[in-house]
Protein backbone atom coordinates (compact mmCIF):
# COMPACT_ATOMS: atom_id res chain seq x y z
CA MET A 1 -21.53 -5.61 -12.85
CA LEU A 2 -19.05 -7.63 -14.82
CA PRO A 3 -20.08 -11.05 -16.18
CA ARG A 4 -19.47 -14.19 -14.16
CA LEU A 5 -16.94 -16.75 -15.28
CA LEU A 6 -17.31 -20.30 -14.05
CA ILE A 7 -14.01 -21.81 -12.99
CA SER A 8 -13.55 -25.08 -11.15
CA SER A 9 -11.78 -24.35 -7.88
CA PRO A 10 -11.47 -26.18 -4.58
CA PHE A 11 -12.49 -22.99 -2.79
CA ASN A 12 -15.38 -21.70 -4.86
CA ASP A 13 -17.17 -23.18 -7.86
CA ALA A 14 -18.09 -19.79 -9.33
CA LEU A 15 -15.43 -17.12 -9.37
CA ASP A 16 -16.78 -13.66 -10.03
CA ILE A 17 -14.56 -11.68 -12.39
CA SER A 18 -15.39 -8.40 -10.68
CA LEU A 19 -14.23 -9.81 -7.35
CA SER A 20 -10.97 -11.01 -8.83
CA ILE A 21 -10.44 -7.60 -10.41
CA GLU A 22 -11.24 -5.91 -7.09
CA TYR A 23 -9.15 -8.11 -4.82
CA PHE A 24 -6.29 -9.13 -7.10
CA PHE A 25 -5.82 -6.62 -9.94
CA ASN A 26 -6.58 -3.51 -7.86
CA LEU A 27 -4.42 -4.71 -4.98
CA PHE A 28 -1.52 -5.77 -7.21
CA PRO A 29 0.54 -2.64 -6.37
CA CYS A 30 0.04 -3.42 -2.68
CA TYR A 31 1.23 -7.02 -3.10
CA LEU A 32 4.24 -5.81 -5.05
CA PHE A 33 5.03 -3.03 -2.56
CA ILE A 34 4.87 -5.36 0.42
CA ILE A 35 7.60 -7.49 -1.13
CA ILE A 36 9.88 -4.70 -2.33
CA GLY A 37 9.03 -2.40 0.59
CA ILE A 38 10.08 -5.02 3.14
CA CYS A 39 13.33 -5.55 1.23
CA ARG A 40 13.98 -1.80 1.20
CA TYR A 41 13.01 -1.40 4.86
CA PHE A 42 15.36 -4.12 6.05
CA SER A 43 18.21 -2.91 3.83
CA LEU A 44 17.84 0.57 5.38
CA TYR A 45 17.51 -0.92 8.86
CA ARG A 46 20.65 -3.01 8.31
CA ALA A 47 22.51 0.03 6.97
CA GLN A 48 21.44 1.94 10.07
CA ASN A 49 22.80 -0.79 12.36
CA LEU A 50 26.06 -0.99 10.41
CA SER A 51 26.54 2.78 10.58
CA GLU A 52 25.86 2.72 14.34
CA GLN A 53 28.51 0.01 14.75
CA ASP A 54 30.97 2.09 12.69
CA ASN A 55 30.22 5.12 14.87
CA ASN A 56 30.95 3.08 18.01
CA THR A 57 34.39 1.99 16.73
CA GLN A 58 35.49 5.45 15.54
CA PRO A 59 36.79 8.02 18.01
CA GLU A 60 34.18 10.49 19.10
CA ASP A 61 34.27 13.88 17.40
CA ASP A 62 33.44 17.14 19.07
CA GLU A 63 29.67 17.36 19.61
CA SER A 64 29.59 20.96 18.40
CA ASP A 65 30.54 19.84 14.86
CA SER A 66 27.40 17.75 14.44
CA LEU A 67 24.61 19.14 12.30
CA PRO A 68 21.33 20.00 13.98
CA SER A 69 18.52 17.58 13.22
CA THR A 70 16.17 18.84 10.56
CA GLU A 71 12.40 18.76 10.68
CA PRO A 72 10.50 16.82 8.03
CA THR A 73 9.43 18.84 5.02
CA PRO A 74 5.74 19.50 4.49
CA ALA A 75 5.76 17.22 1.42
CA LEU A 76 7.21 14.39 3.49
CA THR A 77 4.65 14.91 6.23
CA ILE A 78 1.82 14.95 3.68
CA LYS A 79 3.08 11.73 2.06
CA GLN A 80 3.30 10.01 5.41
CA LYS A 81 -0.13 11.18 6.56
CA LEU A 82 -1.67 10.15 3.21
CA SER A 83 -0.12 6.71 3.57
CA TYR A 84 -1.65 6.25 7.00
CA PHE A 85 -4.99 7.64 5.78
CA MET A 86 -5.04 5.14 2.90
CA ALA A 87 -4.34 2.34 5.37
CA PHE A 88 -7.23 3.59 7.52
CA LEU A 89 -9.55 3.50 4.48
CA TYR A 90 -8.63 -0.09 3.71
CA PHE A 91 -9.30 -1.15 7.30
CA LEU A 92 -12.53 0.86 7.31
CA SER A 93 -13.66 -1.07 4.22
CA ILE A 94 -13.16 -4.32 6.10
CA ALA A 95 -15.18 -3.06 9.06
CA LEU A 96 -17.97 -1.71 6.83
CA ALA A 97 -18.22 -5.05 5.05
CA PHE A 98 -19.23 -6.61 8.35
CA LEU A 99 -21.30 -3.76 9.77
CA LEU A 100 -23.41 -2.45 6.88
CA PRO A 101 -26.07 -4.23 4.86
CA GLU A 102 -25.33 -5.11 1.25
CA SER A 103 -27.77 -2.47 0.02
CA LEU A 104 -25.55 0.27 1.50
CA PHE A 105 -22.09 -1.15 0.88
CA TRP A 106 -21.37 -3.58 -1.96
CA ALA A 107 -18.61 -5.46 -0.09
CA ALA A 108 -21.07 -6.44 2.66
CA GLY A 109 -22.01 -9.44 0.53
CA TYR A 110 -18.37 -10.53 0.44
CA GLU A 111 -17.21 -10.29 4.04
CA THR A 112 -14.54 -12.97 3.86
CA GLN A 113 -13.11 -11.66 0.58
CA SER A 114 -12.84 -8.18 2.06
CA PHE A 115 -10.04 -9.46 4.29
CA TRP A 116 -7.81 -9.09 1.23
CA TYR A 117 -7.90 -5.39 2.08
CA ILE A 118 -5.60 -6.16 5.01
CA THR A 119 -2.88 -6.44 2.38
CA GLY A 120 -3.67 -2.95 1.12
CA GLY A 121 -3.70 -1.51 4.62
CA ALA A 122 -0.41 -3.22 5.49
CA ALA A 123 1.20 -1.89 2.30
CA TRP A 124 0.20 1.68 3.10
CA ILE A 125 1.38 1.38 6.73
CA LEU A 126 4.69 0.02 5.43
CA SER A 127 4.80 2.97 3.04
CA GLY A 128 4.46 5.43 5.93
CA LYS A 129 7.10 3.65 8.01
CA LEU A 130 9.46 3.47 5.04
CA ILE A 131 9.07 7.21 4.40
CA GLU A 132 9.93 7.83 8.05
CA LEU A 133 13.00 5.57 7.97
CA GLU A 134 14.26 7.05 4.69
CA PHE A 135 13.99 10.52 6.22
CA GLU A 136 15.83 9.47 9.38
CA LYS A 137 18.63 7.90 7.33
CA GLU A 138 18.60 10.84 4.89
CA TYR A 139 17.99 8.61 1.86
CA SER A 140 15.83 9.56 -1.06
CA GLN A 141 12.87 7.46 -2.10
CA GLU A 142 13.98 4.75 -4.49
CA LEU A 143 12.36 4.25 -7.88
CA TYR A 144 11.39 0.67 -7.09
CA THR A 145 9.47 1.58 -3.93
CA HIS A 146 7.40 4.76 -3.54
CA GLN A 147 8.06 6.16 -6.98
CA LEU A 148 6.61 2.97 -8.45
CA PHE A 149 3.96 2.17 -5.83
CA CYS A 150 2.02 5.45 -5.75
CA PRO A 151 1.75 6.05 -9.54
CA LEU A 152 1.00 2.36 -10.19
CA THR A 153 -1.77 2.46 -7.60
CA MET A 154 -3.22 5.56 -9.23
CA VAL A 155 -3.04 4.12 -12.77
CA ILE A 156 -4.70 0.85 -11.75
CA SER A 157 -7.40 2.71 -9.82
CA LEU A 158 -8.12 4.90 -12.85
CA LEU A 159 -8.21 1.87 -15.15
CA ASN A 160 -10.62 0.17 -12.78
CA LEU A 161 -12.82 3.25 -12.68
CA LEU A 162 -12.83 3.54 -16.47
CA LEU A 163 -13.57 -0.16 -16.85
CA LYS A 164 -16.48 0.01 -14.43
CA GLU A 165 -17.89 3.11 -16.12
CA ASN A 166 -17.53 1.59 -19.60
CA VAL A 167 -19.27 -1.60 -18.52
CA LYS A 168 -21.93 0.45 -16.77
CA PHE A 169 -22.72 2.38 -19.94
CA GLY A 170 -22.54 -0.69 -22.19
CA PHE A 171 -19.36 0.03 -24.15
CA PHE A 172 -18.10 -3.55 -23.72
CA GLU A 173 -21.32 -5.37 -24.57
C-alpha cells in the first residue's frame, strides 16, 4: 500500500495517494479518449450526414456499379469485442465494489470512489462505437484516437503494476 498524504480538501480530509493513482492516473487515457473520441465520433457523424446530403442532390447512378458491402475484418471484430469486454470489466468492478466484502475485493472499501470506473467503461464503449463508425465510413483509425488510447492505456497499466510491485517489495522505501 502506498503512503497516505494529508491534503486539506472540502470533500475528504485525507486523500490516499493509491486511490488518486488508481482513479486519476490509471484512468487518464480514458478521460483523454472520451474528449478526443467524442470529437472524432461527431466529426465522422457529421461527415456521414454531409455525404448523404451530397448523394441526395446528385443524380442516381446505376445500382449495378456500386461496390458490394464488405464484412469487417477479424482484427476489427477483435478490437471491437475487446473494447466492449474492457467496458464490461469496468462495470463489473463497480458492481463488485458494492457486492463483495473488502477482504475479497479491495475496492469494496471505496464504493463511492469506484464510480470513477464509469468513465473507463464509457471510454471503452465509445471506442467500440468509434471502431464501428470508422469501418462503416471506410476511414482508418486516427493517431489521436485508438492508436494513442490503447498503447497509452497499456503503458500506464504496466507502470502501475511495476509501481505496485516495487512498493510491495520495498524498492521505494
